Amino acid sequence: MTATAAAATAPLLEVSGVTKRYPGVLAVDDVSLSLDTGQIIGLVGKNGAGKSTLIKIIAGAEHADEGHLHLNGEPLELHRPHDATDAGLAFVHQDLQDVGDLSVAENVMLGLGYPRKMGLFVDWAELYRRAAEPIARLEADIDPREPVGELSVAKQRLVMIARGLAQQAQLLVLDEPSASLTDEEIDHLFAVVRRLRDDGISVVYVSHRLEEIFELTERVVVMRNGQLVADEPTASLNRSSLISHITGHEHAQTAAERRASRGVDGRPDAEVVLEVEGVSADTGVNNCSFDVRKGEILGLGGLMGSGRTELVRAVFGADQRQEGTVRVHGREISGNHPSESMSAGLALLPEDRKTQGNIMDFSVRNNITLASLDRHRVRPRVPAPLGRSEKQAADRRIDRLSIATPHDRQLVRLLSGGNQQKVVIAKWLDQGADVLIFDEPTIGVDVDGKEEIYDIMEELAAEGKAVVFISSEFSELVGVCHRVLVLHEGRIVGELEGDAVTEPAIVEICYSQH
């Protein structure tokens, strides 16, 4: 067989025996897989399973200690990320890498060379024309002249995909592409991915949302502890078997099973801890009222843009309220500043743990004690910290929440997403909060990490804390919450309780408003 014929029958990409070691860590352990032209595969695994390291090796951002890559049957040598771009490999990362101050066209053609007039000046008309071609292939309503920073997250991701098309990509890797997208935007993203597949472009789809893996992919590749532990047709798997591959053991409760195992009665006669009456804010929150009792987990559901985050920010005082009152243990909170809410025992764990929940370059210890520094001082009125007290507090929370860290001095940015989220929880537990608001706490967290966060919320409720849980995944609300409030356009439009909390019921309320 000739070299040309061999290349024609070879997989698009072959990864053979790839291994990557870091000091004390075997990040990727003898991984081999292949990807055919025009195929969508799902890449799944817990945080720390090796997915990101494998992607970095394919992108040329890391170098394998052992193993080889082949593209269309030919050896693929990647010494830097630009080599991967030249080879037709494109990557859309979870943390968007668009340049917000540049136009869509400038972002699409970034790194590919801008067309010039007389070799000196950018030919803007030609630049816009070239950028418009891949945008049109995506059927995206995006103006090439518009600044990327003014686009929605969904459109910014499409700009990144358009950049891959502009570089004539053969392979597109999408890392958690649906994060923060609405259902409608996710449907459009799926349509785009399927069109790319039909055009002969291969796609690696990385996601912790297993429903998306089942809906979109043809094959699923599972990594665990740096090894490839499963490579199977998607149709041969179900949720339980896939979670079993991911976790290495049977750990696949459905929402209904979880709900049945823990009970859903809550404490209907318990003391009301949080009272919200007629709260409105200029962020779109409109006359919202609810309460939460000791030992209760209250869910806030709704489609993206329904006002869930805006409501809890107004309750907490992160956004100023125009109208309404908030009381914690009967004490009214003015809403002028979060510090008053914190003093009253109210805590908000924000959706963006990297920029709002933690200080990523601080240690685990310093993040945990950040909200309670007054309790860790040499003297009550002396601002000098008492290191021994801080360490003891941090060690207690690390042990209580099983935070996976080598020591309390580890930088938070070096932890997995799930453990970063636990650090945020630990901070508010050390502060002594009685009402904890969890805003999308499981985004970007692996299956085991999600279960641990559910367990933490349930333990807090069992201790008498009041918990508010916001999630875009209705199955999470069904499996964890005693009651669920459904929001639409900043209003509370429905309430479900006990056995009435089901996914169809939540969906029906959401869509009956349209």
Protein backbone atom coordinates (compact mmCIF):
# COMPACT_ATOMS: atom_id res chain seq x y z
CA MET A 1 0.00 0.00 0.00
CA THR A 2 1.36 3.43 -0.88
CA ALA A 3 1.86 6.17 1.72
CA THR A 4 -0.96 8.13 0.08
CA ALA A 5 -3.35 5.18 0.30
CA ALA A 6 -2.36 4.51 3.90
CA ALA A 7 -3.08 8.13 4.83
CA ALA A 8 -6.47 7.93 3.13
CA THR A 9 -7.51 4.96 5.33
CA ALA A 10 -5.87 6.17 8.54
CA PRO A 11 -7.79 7.85 11.34
CA LEU A 12 -7.67 11.62 11.37
CA LEU A 13 -5.87 11.68 14.74
CA GLU A 14 -4.07 8.87 16.56
CA VAL A 15 -2.75 9.18 20.09
CA SER A 16 -0.40 6.27 20.88
CA GLY A 17 0.95 5.46 24.35
CA VAL A 18 1.05 9.08 25.53
CA THR A 19 2.36 9.62 29.06
CA LYS A 20 2.94 12.87 30.92
CA ARG A 21 4.54 13.18 34.36
CA TYR A 22 4.76 16.13 36.71
CA PRO A 23 6.64 16.07 40.02
CA GLY A 24 4.78 13.56 42.15
CA VAL A 25 1.92 13.20 39.64
CA LEU A 26 1.33 10.86 36.71
CA ALA A 27 -1.12 13.11 34.85
CA VAL A 28 -1.54 11.00 31.70
CA ASP A 29 -0.70 7.30 31.83
CA ASP A 30 -0.14 5.41 28.56
CA VAL A 31 -3.21 6.76 26.75
CA SER A 32 -4.04 5.59 23.24
CA LEU A 33 -7.07 6.59 21.19
CA SER A 34 -8.07 7.47 17.65
CA LEU A 35 -10.56 9.80 16.03
CA ASP A 36 -12.00 9.39 12.54
CA THR A 37 -12.80 12.19 10.14
CA GLY A 38 -16.28 13.70 10.65
CA GLN A 39 -16.87 12.16 14.07
CA ILE A 40 -18.06 13.66 17.37
CA ILE A 41 -16.64 12.02 20.47
CA GLY A 42 -17.26 12.93 24.08
CA LEU A 43 -14.30 13.19 26.45
CA VAL A 44 -15.40 12.86 30.08
CA GLY A 45 -13.89 12.24 33.48
CA LYS A 46 -13.60 13.74 36.91
CA ASN A 47 -11.55 16.85 37.55
CA GLY A 48 -7.96 15.65 37.74
CA ALA A 49 -8.64 12.65 35.50
CA GLY A 50 -6.12 13.86 32.90
CA LYS A 51 -8.45 15.35 30.28
CA SER A 52 -6.97 18.84 30.35
CA THR A 53 -3.39 17.57 30.22
CA LEU A 54 -4.19 15.33 27.24
CA ILE A 55 -5.81 18.27 25.44
CA LYS A 56 -2.77 20.45 26.17
CA ILE A 57 -0.52 17.80 24.64
CA ILE A 58 -2.65 17.66 21.48
CA ALA A 59 -2.63 21.48 21.40
CA GLY A 60 1.15 21.66 21.65
CA ALA A 61 0.99 23.51 24.98
CA GLU A 62 2.56 20.55 26.82
CA HIS A 63 5.03 17.92 25.63
CA ALA A 64 4.48 14.22 26.27
CA ASP A 65 7.24 12.33 28.08
CA GLU A 66 6.38 9.21 26.08
CA GLY A 67 4.20 8.32 23.13
CA HIS A 68 3.41 9.66 19.66
CA LEU A 69 0.76 11.57 17.73
CA HIS A 70 -0.23 10.94 14.11
CA LEU A 71 -2.41 13.12 11.90
CA ASN A 72 -3.85 11.52 8.74
CA GLY A 73 -1.33 8.72 9.13
CA GLU A 74 1.69 11.04 9.31
CA PRO A 75 3.77 11.75 12.46
CA LEU A 76 2.65 14.95 14.17
CA GLU A 77 5.39 16.90 15.91
CA LEU A 78 4.12 19.71 18.13
CA HIS A 79 6.75 21.95 19.68
CA ARG A 80 4.45 24.93 20.37
CA PRO A 81 0.74 25.78 20.05
CA HIS A 82 1.29 27.45 16.67
CA ASP A 83 2.31 24.04 15.26
CA ALA A 84 -1.12 22.65 16.21
CA THR A 85 -2.82 25.61 14.52
CA ASP A 86 -0.78 25.04 11.36
CA ALA A 87 -1.81 21.37 11.42
CA GLY A 88 -5.51 22.28 11.49
CA LEU A 89 -6.21 21.65 15.16
CA ALA A 90 -8.46 24.24 16.84
CA PHE A 91 -9.41 24.63 20.49
CA VAL A 92 -12.26 26.49 22.19
CA HIS A 93 -11.48 26.58 25.89
CA GLN A 94 -13.95 26.93 28.77
CA ASP A 95 -12.30 30.22 29.74
CA LEU A 96 -12.90 32.28 26.61
CA GLN A 97 -9.76 33.59 24.92
CA ASP A 98 -11.32 36.23 22.73
CA VAL A 99 -9.84 39.73 22.92
CA GLY A 100 -12.81 41.80 24.03
CA ASP A 101 -11.57 45.17 22.75
CA LEU A 102 -11.01 43.85 19.21
CA SER A 103 -13.71 43.37 16.60
CA VAL A 104 -15.18 40.01 15.69
CA ALA A 105 -13.19 40.03 12.43
CA GLU A 106 -9.92 40.80 14.21
CA ASN A 107 -10.55 37.92 16.61
CA VAL A 108 -11.48 35.48 13.86
CA MET A 109 -8.30 36.26 11.90
CA LEU A 110 -6.05 36.64 14.95
CA GLY A 111 -2.80 34.82 14.38
CA LEU A 112 -3.61 34.11 10.73
CA GLY A 113 -2.30 37.43 9.41
CA TYR A 114 -4.42 40.43 8.54
CA PRO A 115 -4.72 41.34 4.82
CA ARG A 116 -2.69 44.44 3.89
CA LYS A 117 -2.78 47.24 1.38
CA MET A 118 0.58 48.00 -0.16
CA GLY A 119 2.09 45.76 2.49
CA LEU A 120 1.58 48.43 5.16
CA PHE A 121 -2.03 49.14 6.08
CA VAL A 122 -4.72 46.70 7.17
CA ASP A 123 -7.24 46.12 4.39
CA TRP A 124 -10.31 46.34 6.61
CA ALA A 125 -12.84 45.57 3.89
CA GLU A 126 -10.99 42.37 3.02
CA LEU A 127 -10.58 41.48 6.69
CA TYR A 128 -14.33 41.78 7.27
CA ARG A 129 -15.04 39.75 4.11
CA ARG A 130 -12.73 36.92 5.16
CA ALA A 131 -14.16 36.80 8.67
CA ALA A 132 -17.74 36.82 7.36
CA GLU A 133 -17.20 33.49 5.53
CA PRO A 134 -16.71 31.21 8.57
CA ILE A 135 -19.37 33.16 10.49
CA ALA A 136 -21.83 32.46 7.68
CA ARG A 137 -20.98 28.74 7.84
CA LEU A 138 -22.12 28.80 11.45
CA GLU A 139 -25.38 30.57 10.54
CA ALA A 140 -24.54 33.05 13.28
CA ASP A 141 -26.13 36.49 13.41
CA ILE A 142 -22.86 38.27 14.20
CA ASP A 143 -21.54 41.49 12.66
CA PRO A 144 -17.79 41.13 11.90
CA ARG A 145 -17.33 44.81 12.86
CA GLU A 146 -18.84 44.46 16.34
CA PRO A 147 -16.50 44.43 19.39
CA VAL A 148 -16.35 40.91 20.78
CA GLY A 149 -16.68 42.21 24.34
CA GLU A 150 -20.21 43.39 23.56
CA LEU A 151 -21.40 39.93 22.46
CA SER A 152 -23.15 37.32 24.59
CA VAL A 153 -21.12 34.39 25.90
CA ALA A 154 -22.75 32.12 23.31
CA LYS A 155 -21.73 34.38 20.43
CA GLN A 156 -18.22 34.73 21.82
CA ARG A 157 -17.90 30.95 21.68
CA LEU A 158 -19.10 30.98 18.09
CA VAL A 159 -16.41 33.55 17.28
CA MET A 160 -13.83 31.13 18.67
CA ILE A 161 -15.25 28.34 16.51
CA ALA A 162 -15.22 30.67 13.48
CA ARG A 163 -11.52 31.26 14.13
CA GLY A 164 -10.98 27.51 13.88
CA LEU A 165 -12.85 27.39 10.57
CA ALA A 166 -10.78 30.31 9.28
CA GLN A 167 -7.62 28.34 10.00
CA GLN A 168 -9.04 25.39 8.01
CA ALA A 169 -9.39 23.20 11.08
CA GLN A 170 -9.70 19.45 10.66
CA LEU A 171 -10.26 18.88 14.38
CA LEU A 172 -12.15 21.10 16.83
CA VAL A 173 -11.89 20.56 20.60
CA LEU A 174 -14.70 22.17 22.64
CA ASP A 175 -14.05 22.34 26.39
CA GLU A 176 -17.28 22.84 28.43
CA PRO A 177 -18.78 24.92 25.59
CA SER A 178 -22.31 25.07 27.02
CA ALA A 179 -21.35 26.71 30.32
CA SER A 180 -23.59 29.75 31.01
CA LEU A 181 -25.63 29.23 27.81
CA THR A 182 -29.43 29.20 27.59
CA ASP A 183 -31.27 26.13 26.31
CA GLU A 184 -31.87 27.89 23.00
CA GLU A 185 -28.18 28.78 22.69
CA ILE A 186 -27.19 25.20 23.48
CA ASP A 187 -29.55 23.93 20.75
CA HIS A 188 -27.87 26.30 18.28
CA LEU A 189 -24.43 25.15 19.42
CA PHE A 190 -25.42 21.51 18.87
CA ALA A 191 -26.71 22.35 15.38
CA VAL A 192 -23.38 24.04 14.60
CA VAL A 193 -21.40 21.04 15.83
CA ARG A 194 -23.47 18.63 13.75
CA ARG A 195 -23.01 20.78 10.61
CA LEU A 196 -19.26 20.79 11.18
CA ARG A 197 -19.33 17.01 11.46
CA ASP A 198 -21.30 16.77 8.22
CA ASP A 199 -18.62 18.96 6.60
CA GLY A 200 -15.97 16.43 7.59
CA ILE A 201 -14.63 18.22 10.68
CA SER A 202 -14.02 16.03 13.73
CA VAL A 203 -15.09 17.29 17.15
CA VAL A 204 -13.96 16.38 20.67
CA TYR A 205 -16.68 17.55 23.07
CA VAL A 206 -15.61 17.86 26.72
CA SER A 207 -18.42 18.27 29.25
CA HIS A 208 -19.50 17.36 32.77
CA ARG A 209 -23.13 17.55 31.58
CA LEU A 210 -23.79 13.92 30.76
CA GLU A 211 -27.14 14.68 29.11
CA GLU A 212 -25.26 16.62 26.43
CA ILE A 213 -22.82 13.76 25.91
CA PHE A 214 -25.71 11.37 25.25
CA GLU A 215 -27.53 13.77 22.95
CA LEU A 216 -24.61 14.89 20.78
CA THR A 217 -21.80 12.36 20.60
CA GLU A 218 -21.23 9.10 18.73
CA ARG A 219 -18.48 7.73 20.99
CA VAL A 220 -17.52 8.40 24.58
CA VAL A 221 -13.95 8.27 25.87
CA VAL A 222 -13.60 8.17 29.67
CA MET A 223 -10.45 9.04 31.61
CA ARG A 224 -9.80 8.26 35.25
CA ASN A 225 -6.59 8.79 37.23
CA GLY A 226 -4.71 9.64 34.05
CA GLN A 227 -5.75 6.46 32.23
CA LEU A 228 -8.24 5.82 29.46
CA VAL A 229 -10.71 3.44 31.11
CA ALA A 230 -13.50 3.28 28.51
CA ASP A 231 -13.97 3.96 24.79
CA GLU A 232 -17.45 2.91 23.73
CA PRO A 233 -20.25 3.85 21.33
CA THR A 234 -22.57 6.30 23.07
CA ALA A 235 -25.58 4.15 22.20
CA SER A 236 -24.16 1.27 24.26
CA LEU A 237 -24.09 3.35 27.46
CA ASN A 238 -26.66 4.67 29.91
CA ARG A 239 -26.24 7.23 32.67
CA SER A 240 -25.51 4.64 35.35
CA SER A 241 -22.88 2.79 33.34
CA LEU A 242 -21.18 6.01 32.25
CA ILE A 243 -21.00 7.34 35.80
CA SER A 244 -19.65 3.99 36.91
CA HIS A 245 -16.84 4.34 34.35
CA ILE A 246 -16.14 7.91 35.48
CA THR A 247 -16.06 7.19 39.20
CA GLY A 248 -14.76 3.64 39.19
CA HIS A 249 -17.60 2.34 41.30
CA GLU A 250 -21.38 2.22 41.40
CA HIS A 251 -22.29 5.81 42.23
CA ALA A 252 -25.09 6.71 39.91
CA GLN A 253 -28.19 7.72 41.80
CA THR A 254 -30.86 9.27 39.65
CA ALA A 255 -32.63 12.33 40.98
CA ALA A 256 -35.63 10.18 41.92
CA GLU A 257 -33.47 7.61 43.74
CA ARG A 258 -31.61 10.33 45.58
CA ARG A 259 -34.86 11.99 46.57
CA ALA A 260 -36.36 8.72 47.80
CA SER A 261 -33.26 7.87 49.82
CA ARG A 262 -33.13 11.17 51.74
CA GLY A 263 -36.77 12.11 52.18
CA VAL A 264 -38.30 15.39 51.10
CA ASP A 265 -40.34 16.60 54.04
CA GLY A 266 -37.83 19.12 55.34
CA ARG A 267 -38.98 20.90 58.47
CA PRO A 268 -42.33 22.55 57.65
CA ASP A 269 -42.88 23.71 61.24
CA ALA A 270 -39.34 25.00 61.80
CA GLU A 271 -38.41 28.62 62.44
CA VAL A 272 -38.32 30.93 59.42
CA VAL A 273 -34.72 32.11 59.13
CA LEU A 274 -34.83 34.18 55.92
CA GLU A 275 -37.81 36.36 54.95
CA VAL A 276 -37.91 38.17 51.60
CA GLU A 277 -40.86 40.48 50.92
CA GLY A 278 -41.56 42.41 47.72
CA VAL A 279 -37.95 42.73 46.62
CA SER A 280 -37.32 44.62 43.38
CA ALA A 281 -34.07 45.85 41.83
CA ASP A 282 -33.06 47.66 38.65
CA THR A 283 -31.34 44.44 37.51
CA GLY A 284 -34.79 43.11 36.51
CA VAL A 285 -35.97 41.65 39.82
CA ASN A 286 -39.67 42.39 40.23
CA ASN A 287 -41.64 42.10 43.48
CA CYS A 288 -40.27 38.78 44.72
CA SER A 289 -41.32 37.28 48.07
CA PHE A 290 -40.36 33.99 49.73
CA ASP A 291 -39.02 32.54 52.98
CA VAL A 292 -36.67 29.75 54.02
CA ARG A 293 -36.87 27.72 57.23
CA LYS A 294 -34.23 26.06 59.38
CA GLY A 295 -33.24 22.73 57.88
CA GLU A 296 -34.76 23.50 54.48
CA ILE A 297 -33.12 23.44 51.04
CA LEU A 298 -35.00 25.83 48.78
CA GLY A 299 -34.29 25.64 45.04
CA LEU A 300 -34.47 28.52 42.60
CA GLY A 301 -35.10 27.31 39.04
CA GLY A 302 -35.78 28.90 35.70
CA LEU A 303 -34.31 29.36 32.27
CA MET A 304 -31.17 31.41 31.73
CA GLY A 305 -32.02 35.09 32.08
CA SER A 306 -34.93 34.37 34.43
CA GLY A 307 -33.40 36.50 37.18
CA ARG A 308 -32.27 33.86 39.68
CA THR A 309 -28.79 35.29 40.26
CA GLU A 310 -30.10 38.85 40.19
CA LEU A 311 -32.63 37.99 42.90
CA VAL A 312 -30.11 36.53 45.35
CA ARG A 313 -27.66 39.36 44.71
CA ALA A 314 -30.41 41.83 45.65
CA VAL A 315 -31.27 39.79 48.74
CA PHE A 316 -27.61 39.68 49.80
CA GLY A 317 -27.02 43.38 49.09
CA ALA A 318 -24.49 42.86 46.30
CA ASP A 319 -26.97 44.81 44.12
CA GLN A 320 -29.00 47.56 45.76
CA ARG A 321 -32.69 46.94 46.24
CA GLN A 322 -35.21 49.49 45.00
CA GLU A 323 -38.06 48.08 47.06
CA GLY A 324 -38.78 45.34 49.54
CA THR A 325 -37.41 44.04 52.82
CA VAL A 326 -35.11 41.19 53.82
CA ARG A 327 -34.96 39.76 57.35
CA VAL A 328 -32.63 37.19 58.86
CA HIS A 329 -33.84 35.83 62.21
CA GLY A 330 -36.31 38.71 62.20
CA ARG A 331 -33.57 41.35 61.81
CA GLU A 332 -34.15 43.63 58.85
CA ILE A 333 -31.19 44.14 56.49
CA SER A 334 -31.07 47.44 54.66
CA GLY A 335 -29.46 46.05 51.51
CA ASN A 336 -26.95 48.87 51.17
CA HIS A 337 -23.90 46.67 51.59
CA PRO A 338 -23.10 42.91 51.81
CA SER A 339 -21.26 43.45 55.10
CA GLU A 340 -24.60 43.95 56.89
CA SER A 341 -25.91 40.70 55.43
CA MET A 342 -22.76 38.89 56.52
CA SER A 343 -23.09 40.25 60.04
CA ALA A 344 -26.67 38.98 60.16
CA GLY A 345 -25.57 35.45 59.14
CA LEU A 346 -26.36 35.53 55.42
CA ALA A 347 -23.79 34.18 52.93
CA LEU A 348 -23.70 34.19 49.11
CA LEU A 349 -21.54 31.66 47.29
CA PRO A 350 -21.39 33.26 43.82
CA GLU A 351 -21.56 31.49 40.49
CA ASP A 352 -18.07 32.63 39.46
CA ARG A 353 -15.87 31.10 42.15
CA LYS A 354 -12.66 32.16 40.38
CA THR A 355 -13.26 35.92 40.39
CA GLN A 356 -15.94 36.41 43.07
CA GLY A 357 -15.75 33.44 45.44
CA ASN A 358 -12.02 32.95 45.99
CA ILE A 359 -8.81 34.94 45.66
CA MET A 360 -7.04 32.46 43.42
CA ASP A 361 -3.47 33.45 44.33
CA PHE A 362 -4.19 33.26 48.08
CA SER A 363 -3.65 30.05 50.01
CA VAL A 364 -6.43 27.71 51.07
CA ARG A 365 -5.97 28.93 54.65
CA ASN A 366 -6.18 32.62 53.78
CA ASN A 367 -9.31 32.10 51.67
CA ILE A 368 -11.06 30.08 54.37
CA THR A 369 -10.46 32.71 57.07
CA LEU A 370 -11.01 35.73 54.80
CA ALA A 371 -14.57 36.43 55.98
CA SER A 372 -13.79 35.86 59.65
CA LEU A 373 -10.49 37.67 60.22
CA ASP A 374 -11.83 39.42 63.33
CA ARG A 375 -11.81 36.04 65.06
CA HIS A 376 -8.18 35.33 64.19
CA ARG A 377 -6.33 38.34 65.58
CA VAL A 378 -3.64 38.69 68.22
CA ARG A 379 -5.92 41.11 70.08
CA PRO A 380 -9.58 42.02 69.32
CA ARG A 381 -8.73 45.52 68.12
CA VAL A 382 -5.30 44.72 66.68
CA PRO A 383 -5.41 43.90 62.94
CA ALA A 384 -2.37 41.60 63.11
CA PRO A 385 -3.41 38.00 62.23
CA LEU A 386 -2.90 35.12 64.64
CA GLY A 387 -1.44 32.40 62.42
CA ARG A 388 -2.05 29.56 64.84
CA SER A 389 -5.76 30.37 65.08
CA GLU A 390 -6.09 30.69 61.30
CA LYS A 391 -4.36 27.36 60.73
CA GLN A 392 -6.53 25.56 63.27
CA ALA A 393 -9.69 26.97 61.68
CA ALA A 394 -8.51 26.07 58.17
CA ASP A 395 -7.54 22.55 59.21
CA ARG A 396 -10.98 22.00 60.76
CA ARG A 397 -12.75 23.05 57.56
CA ILE A 398 -10.38 21.11 55.32
CA ASP A 399 -11.09 17.99 57.35
CA ARG A 400 -14.84 18.65 57.61
CA LEU A 401 -15.29 19.17 53.85
CA SER A 402 -12.61 16.69 52.71
CA ILE A 403 -10.83 19.38 50.68
CA ALA A 404 -8.17 17.64 48.60
CA THR A 405 -5.08 19.77 49.21
CA PRO A 406 -1.55 18.76 50.26
CA HIS A 407 -1.58 21.45 52.99
CA ASP A 408 -3.41 24.61 54.02
CA ARG A 409 -0.77 26.81 52.34
CA GLN A 410 -1.56 25.48 48.85
CA LEU A 411 -2.67 28.18 46.38
CA VAL A 412 -6.37 27.84 45.59
CA ARG A 413 -5.76 28.16 41.84
CA LEU A 414 -3.90 24.83 41.95
CA LEU A 415 -6.96 22.95 43.23
CA SER A 416 -9.62 21.26 41.09
CA GLY A 417 -12.89 23.08 40.46
CA GLY A 418 -14.75 21.00 43.03
CA ASN A 419 -12.18 21.68 45.73
CA GLN A 420 -12.15 25.39 44.89
CA GLN A 421 -15.89 25.36 45.48
CA LYS A 422 -15.39 23.61 48.82
CA VAL A 423 -12.98 26.38 49.87
CA VAL A 424 -15.74 28.94 49.21
CA ILE A 425 -18.12 26.88 51.36
CA ALA A 426 -15.48 26.57 54.09
CA LYS A 427 -15.04 30.35 54.18
CA TRP A 428 -18.71 30.91 54.99
CA LEU A 429 -18.86 28.07 57.50
CA ASP A 430 -15.92 29.61 59.35
CA GLN A 431 -17.75 32.94 59.26
CA GLY A 432 -20.72 31.29 60.99
CA ALA A 433 -23.47 31.89 58.42
CA ASP A 434 -26.95 30.54 59.15
CA VAL A 435 -28.33 31.09 55.62
CA LEU A 436 -26.17 29.93 52.71
CA ILE A 437 -27.06 30.78 49.11
CA PHE A 438 -25.37 28.46 46.58
CA ASP A 439 -25.41 29.96 43.07
CA GLU A 440 -24.60 27.26 40.46
CA PRO A 441 -22.09 25.52 42.80
CA THR A 442 -21.58 22.50 40.53
CA ILE A 443 -20.64 24.26 37.26
CA GLY A 444 -17.43 22.71 35.95
CA VAL A 445 -17.39 20.15 38.77
CA ASP A 446 -17.04 16.43 38.07
CA VAL A 447 -19.61 13.78 39.03
CA ASP A 448 -18.02 12.85 42.37
CA GLY A 449 -17.51 16.51 43.23
CA LYS A 450 -21.18 17.25 42.53
CA GLU A 451 -22.28 14.47 44.87
CA GLU A 452 -20.01 15.84 47.58
CA ILE A 453 -21.52 19.32 47.21
CA TYR A 454 -25.04 17.85 47.41
CA ASP A 455 -24.01 16.00 50.57
CA ILE A 456 -22.59 19.19 52.08
CA MET A 457 -25.83 21.10 51.46
CA GLU A 458 -27.85 18.27 52.99
CA GLU A 459 -25.56 18.10 56.02
CA LEU A 460 -25.87 21.86 56.53
CA ALA A 461 -29.66 21.58 56.38
CA ALA A 462 -29.60 18.68 58.85
CA GLU A 463 -27.64 20.94 61.23
CA GLY A 464 -30.40 23.54 61.04
CA LYS A 465 -28.91 25.86 58.43
CA ALA A 466 -31.19 27.35 55.77
CA VAL A 467 -29.95 26.66 52.24
CA VAL A 468 -30.89 28.30 48.93
CA PHE A 469 -29.71 26.38 45.84
CA ILE A 470 -29.67 27.82 42.30
CA SER A 471 -29.04 25.42 39.42
CA SER A 472 -29.58 25.39 35.67
CA GLU A 473 -29.81 21.58 35.83
CA PHE A 474 -33.36 20.82 36.91
CA SER A 475 -32.40 17.26 37.86
CA GLU A 476 -30.19 18.72 40.61
CA LEU A 477 -33.08 20.69 42.05
CA VAL A 478 -35.31 17.61 41.97
CA GLY A 479 -32.74 15.44 43.73
CA VAL A 480 -31.77 17.88 46.47
CA CYS A 481 -34.48 20.46 47.25
CA HIS A 482 -37.50 20.33 49.55
CA ARG A 483 -39.18 23.19 47.64
CA VAL A 484 -38.47 24.85 44.30
CA LEU A 485 -39.45 28.36 43.21
CA VAL A 486 -39.50 28.97 39.44
CA LEU A 487 -38.59 32.40 38.08
CA HIS A 488 -39.36 34.07 34.77
CA GLU A 489 -38.21 37.57 33.78
CA GLY A 490 -37.39 38.50 37.34
CA ARG A 491 -40.66 37.26 38.88
CA ILE A 492 -41.49 34.16 40.90
CA VAL A 493 -44.08 32.42 38.74
CA GLY A 494 -44.44 29.02 40.39
CA GLU A 495 -43.76 27.00 43.52
CA LEU A 496 -43.40 23.23 43.87
CA GLU A 497 -43.05 21.26 47.08
CA GLY A 498 -42.38 17.69 48.13
CA ASP A 499 -43.31 15.01 45.59
CA ALA A 500 -44.55 17.74 43.21
CA VAL A 501 -40.90 18.72 42.58
CA THR A 502 -40.23 16.98 39.25
CA GLU A 503 -38.37 17.96 36.11
CA PRO A 504 -41.51 17.94 33.91
CA ALA A 505 -43.28 20.21 36.42
CA ILE A 506 -40.39 22.70 36.47
CA VAL A 507 -40.12 22.68 32.69
CA GLU A 508 -43.87 23.15 32.28
CA ILE A 509 -43.84 26.24 34.51
CA CYS A 510 -40.81 27.66 32.70
CA TYR A 511 -42.28 27.29 29.24
CA SER A 512 -45.86 28.16 30.11
CA GLN A 513 -44.64 31.74 30.49
CA HIS A 514 -43.69 32.03 26.80
